[in-house]
C-alpha cells in the first residue's frame, strides 16, 4: 500500500486573484499551467478520483471534467 493511496489533492484554480486574464491556461512548453498541476498530482500516484480543482470559473470546471478530475465550484 502506497502512502498516496489515501491521499487527496486539492488544486486551487481561482481566476479572480490572477494577475492577468487566462493565467491558468497560459502554455509553458506547450502545456497549460493547470494541466501541469493535474499531471504532477498523477505522477505522485494519486488516483484521478482523489484529484480535485477548487474554482469559481465554469471554464476551469469544464476543463476539470474533461480531464476526469473532481471539481468544487
N, C-alpha and C. Protein backbone atom coordinates (compact mmCIF):
# COMPACT_ATOMS: atom_id res chain seq x y z
N UNK A 1 0.84 -1.18 0.00
CA UNK A 1 0.00 0.00 0.00
C UNK A 1 0.89 1.25 0.00
N UNK A 2 0.65 2.10 -0.94
CA UNK A 2 1.41 3.34 -1.07
C UNK A 2 0.87 4.41 -0.13
N UNK A 3 1.73 5.35 0.22
CA UNK A 3 1.32 6.49 1.05
C UNK A 3 0.24 7.28 0.33
N UNK A 4 0.28 7.31 -1.00
CA UNK A 4 -0.64 8.12 -1.77
C UNK A 4 -1.96 7.43 -2.06
N UNK A 5 -2.14 6.18 -1.60
CA UNK A 5 -3.41 5.51 -1.82
C UNK A 5 -4.54 6.23 -1.09
N UNK A 6 -4.24 6.82 0.04
CA UNK A 6 -5.27 7.52 0.82
C UNK A 6 -5.17 9.03 0.67
N UNK A 7 -4.31 9.51 -0.19
CA UNK A 7 -4.11 10.96 -0.35
C UNK A 7 -5.20 11.58 -1.21
N UNK A 8 -5.53 12.82 -0.89
CA UNK A 8 -6.46 13.61 -1.68
C UNK A 8 -5.74 14.91 -2.03
N UNK A 9 -5.82 15.31 -3.30
CA UNK A 9 -5.14 16.52 -3.75
C UNK A 9 -6.20 17.56 -4.14
N UNK A 10 -6.05 18.76 -3.58
CA UNK A 10 -6.90 19.89 -3.94
C UNK A 10 -6.02 20.94 -4.61
N UNK A 11 -6.36 21.28 -5.84
CA UNK A 11 -5.59 22.26 -6.60
C UNK A 11 -6.41 23.55 -6.67
N UNK A 12 -5.93 24.63 -6.04
CA UNK A 12 -6.66 25.89 -6.15
C UNK A 12 -6.49 26.48 -7.54
N UNK A 13 -7.60 26.76 -8.20
CA UNK A 13 -7.56 27.29 -9.56
C UNK A 13 -8.55 28.44 -9.68
N UNK A 14 -8.30 29.49 -8.92
CA UNK A 14 -9.19 30.64 -8.92
C UNK A 14 -8.70 31.66 -9.94
N UNK A 15 -9.63 32.21 -10.70
CA UNK A 15 -9.26 33.15 -11.75
C UNK A 15 -9.29 34.60 -11.27
N UNK A 16 -10.07 34.90 -10.28
CA UNK A 16 -10.19 36.29 -9.83
C UNK A 16 -8.88 36.88 -9.29
N UNK A 17 -8.11 36.16 -8.45
CA UNK A 17 -6.87 36.75 -7.97
C UNK A 17 -5.72 36.70 -8.98
N UNK A 18 -5.94 36.13 -10.13
CA UNK A 18 -4.88 36.04 -11.14
C UNK A 18 -4.53 37.43 -11.65
N UNK A 19 -3.26 37.67 -11.83
CA UNK A 19 -2.82 38.99 -12.30
C UNK A 19 -3.31 39.30 -13.70
N UNK A 20 -3.23 38.33 -14.55
CA UNK A 20 -3.63 38.53 -15.94
C UNK A 20 -4.72 37.54 -16.29
N UNK A 21 -5.61 37.97 -17.15
CA UNK A 21 -6.71 37.11 -17.57
C UNK A 21 -6.16 35.85 -18.27
N UNK A 22 -6.64 34.70 -17.86
CA UNK A 22 -6.24 33.46 -18.50
C UNK A 22 -4.90 32.90 -18.07
N UNK A 23 -4.37 33.34 -16.93
CA UNK A 23 -3.07 32.84 -16.46
C UNK A 23 -3.03 31.32 -16.36
N UNK A 24 -4.11 30.71 -15.91
CA UNK A 24 -4.10 29.27 -15.69
C UNK A 24 -4.07 28.48 -17.00
N UNK A 25 -4.41 29.14 -18.09
CA UNK A 25 -4.40 28.47 -19.39
C UNK A 25 -3.20 28.86 -20.24
N UNK A 26 -2.29 29.65 -19.68
CA UNK A 26 -1.07 30.00 -20.41
C UNK A 26 -0.21 28.75 -20.57
N UNK A 27 0.39 28.64 -21.73
CA UNK A 27 1.21 27.47 -22.03
C UNK A 27 2.65 27.66 -21.55
N UNK A 28 3.16 26.60 -20.98
CA UNK A 28 4.56 26.53 -20.61
C UNK A 28 5.09 25.27 -21.28
N UNK A 29 5.94 25.44 -22.27
CA UNK A 29 6.44 24.32 -23.09
C UNK A 29 5.27 23.57 -23.73
N UNK A 30 4.25 24.31 -24.15
CA UNK A 30 3.14 23.71 -24.88
C UNK A 30 2.05 23.08 -24.03
N UNK A 31 2.16 23.19 -22.69
CA UNK A 31 1.17 22.58 -21.80
C UNK A 31 0.61 23.67 -20.88
N UNK A 32 -0.73 23.79 -20.79
CA UNK A 32 -1.31 24.80 -19.90
C UNK A 32 -0.90 24.56 -18.44
N UNK A 33 -0.76 25.64 -17.68
CA UNK A 33 -0.31 25.53 -16.29
C UNK A 33 -1.23 24.66 -15.45
N UNK A 34 -2.53 24.78 -15.66
CA UNK A 34 -3.47 23.97 -14.87
C UNK A 34 -3.33 22.49 -15.21
N UNK A 35 -3.03 22.18 -16.47
CA UNK A 35 -2.80 20.79 -16.87
C UNK A 35 -1.54 20.24 -16.22
N UNK A 36 -0.51 21.07 -16.10
CA UNK A 36 0.73 20.66 -15.44
C UNK A 36 0.47 20.27 -13.99
N UNK A 37 -0.39 21.02 -13.31
CA UNK A 37 -0.71 20.71 -11.91
C UNK A 37 -1.41 19.37 -11.79
N UNK A 38 -2.34 19.12 -12.69
CA UNK A 38 -3.05 17.84 -12.69
C UNK A 38 -2.08 16.70 -12.99
N UNK A 39 -1.22 16.89 -13.97
CA UNK A 39 -0.24 15.86 -14.34
C UNK A 39 0.72 15.56 -13.19
N UNK A 40 1.15 16.59 -12.47
CA UNK A 40 2.05 16.38 -11.32
C UNK A 40 1.37 15.54 -10.24
N UNK A 41 0.11 15.81 -9.98
CA UNK A 41 -0.63 15.02 -8.99
C UNK A 41 -0.71 13.56 -9.44
N UNK A 42 -0.93 13.33 -10.71
CA UNK A 42 -0.99 11.96 -11.24
C UNK A 42 0.37 11.28 -11.13
N UNK A 43 1.45 12.02 -11.34
CA UNK A 43 2.80 11.45 -11.23
C UNK A 43 3.10 10.96 -9.82
N UNK A 44 2.50 11.59 -8.83
CA UNK A 44 2.69 11.15 -7.45
C UNK A 44 1.94 9.86 -7.14
N UNK A 45 1.14 9.40 -8.08
CA UNK A 45 0.41 8.15 -7.89
C UNK A 45 -0.96 8.33 -7.26
N UNK A 46 -1.45 9.55 -7.21
CA UNK A 46 -2.78 9.81 -6.66
C UNK A 46 -3.81 9.44 -7.72
N UNK A 47 -4.86 8.73 -7.32
CA UNK A 47 -5.87 8.33 -8.29
C UNK A 47 -6.65 9.53 -8.79
N UNK A 48 -7.21 9.44 -9.98
CA UNK A 48 -7.95 10.55 -10.57
C UNK A 48 -9.16 10.93 -9.74
N UNK A 49 -9.73 9.98 -9.04
CA UNK A 49 -10.90 10.29 -8.20
C UNK A 49 -10.50 11.06 -6.94
N UNK A 50 -9.22 11.15 -6.67
CA UNK A 50 -8.74 11.88 -5.49
C UNK A 50 -8.10 13.22 -5.83
N UNK A 51 -8.20 13.63 -7.10
CA UNK A 51 -7.68 14.92 -7.52
C UNK A 51 -8.87 15.85 -7.76
N UNK A 52 -8.83 17.03 -7.14
CA UNK A 52 -9.95 17.97 -7.24
C UNK A 52 -9.43 19.37 -7.50
N UNK A 53 -10.14 20.11 -8.35
CA UNK A 53 -9.84 21.51 -8.59
C UNK A 53 -10.85 22.35 -7.82
N UNK A 54 -10.35 23.37 -7.12
CA UNK A 54 -11.20 24.33 -6.44
C UNK A 54 -11.24 25.59 -7.29
N UNK A 55 -12.42 26.01 -7.72
CA UNK A 55 -12.50 27.14 -8.64
C UNK A 55 -13.85 27.84 -8.53
N UNK A 56 -13.92 29.03 -9.10
CA UNK A 56 -15.20 29.74 -9.24
C UNK A 56 -15.55 29.88 -10.72
N UNK A 57 -14.70 29.33 -11.59
CA UNK A 57 -14.84 29.50 -13.03
C UNK A 57 -15.49 28.28 -13.69
N UNK A 58 -16.50 28.55 -14.50
CA UNK A 58 -17.15 27.47 -15.25
C UNK A 58 -16.19 26.89 -16.29
N UNK A 59 -15.34 27.73 -16.85
CA UNK A 59 -14.37 27.27 -17.85
C UNK A 59 -13.39 26.26 -17.24
N UNK A 60 -12.91 26.54 -16.04
CA UNK A 60 -11.99 25.63 -15.38
C UNK A 60 -12.72 24.37 -14.92
N UNK A 61 -13.98 24.51 -14.51
CA UNK A 61 -14.78 23.35 -14.14
C UNK A 61 -14.94 22.39 -15.33
N UNK A 62 -15.18 22.95 -16.51
CA UNK A 62 -15.29 22.13 -17.72
C UNK A 62 -13.96 21.46 -18.03
N UNK A 63 -12.86 22.20 -17.87
CA UNK A 63 -11.52 21.64 -18.09
C UNK A 63 -11.28 20.46 -17.14
N UNK A 64 -11.69 20.60 -15.88
CA UNK A 64 -11.52 19.52 -14.90
C UNK A 64 -12.32 18.29 -15.31
N UNK A 65 -13.55 18.49 -15.73
CA UNK A 65 -14.38 17.35 -16.14
C UNK A 65 -13.79 16.64 -17.35
N UNK A 66 -13.23 17.40 -18.28
CA UNK A 66 -12.61 16.79 -19.47
C UNK A 66 -11.36 15.99 -19.10
N UNK A 67 -10.72 16.36 -17.99
CA UNK A 67 -9.54 15.65 -17.52
C UNK A 67 -9.87 14.58 -16.49
N UNK A 68 -11.16 14.37 -16.28
CA UNK A 68 -11.66 13.32 -15.38
C UNK A 68 -11.17 13.49 -13.95
N UNK A 69 -11.14 14.74 -13.49
CA UNK A 69 -10.82 15.02 -12.09
C UNK A 69 -12.01 15.75 -11.48
N UNK A 70 -12.12 15.71 -10.16
CA UNK A 70 -13.22 16.34 -9.47
C UNK A 70 -13.10 17.86 -9.49
N UNK A 71 -14.23 18.51 -9.26
CA UNK A 71 -14.24 19.98 -9.24
C UNK A 71 -15.21 20.45 -8.17
N UNK A 72 -14.78 21.47 -7.43
CA UNK A 72 -15.63 22.13 -6.45
C UNK A 72 -15.76 23.58 -6.87
N UNK A 73 -16.99 24.02 -7.10
CA UNK A 73 -17.22 25.40 -7.51
C UNK A 73 -17.73 26.18 -6.31
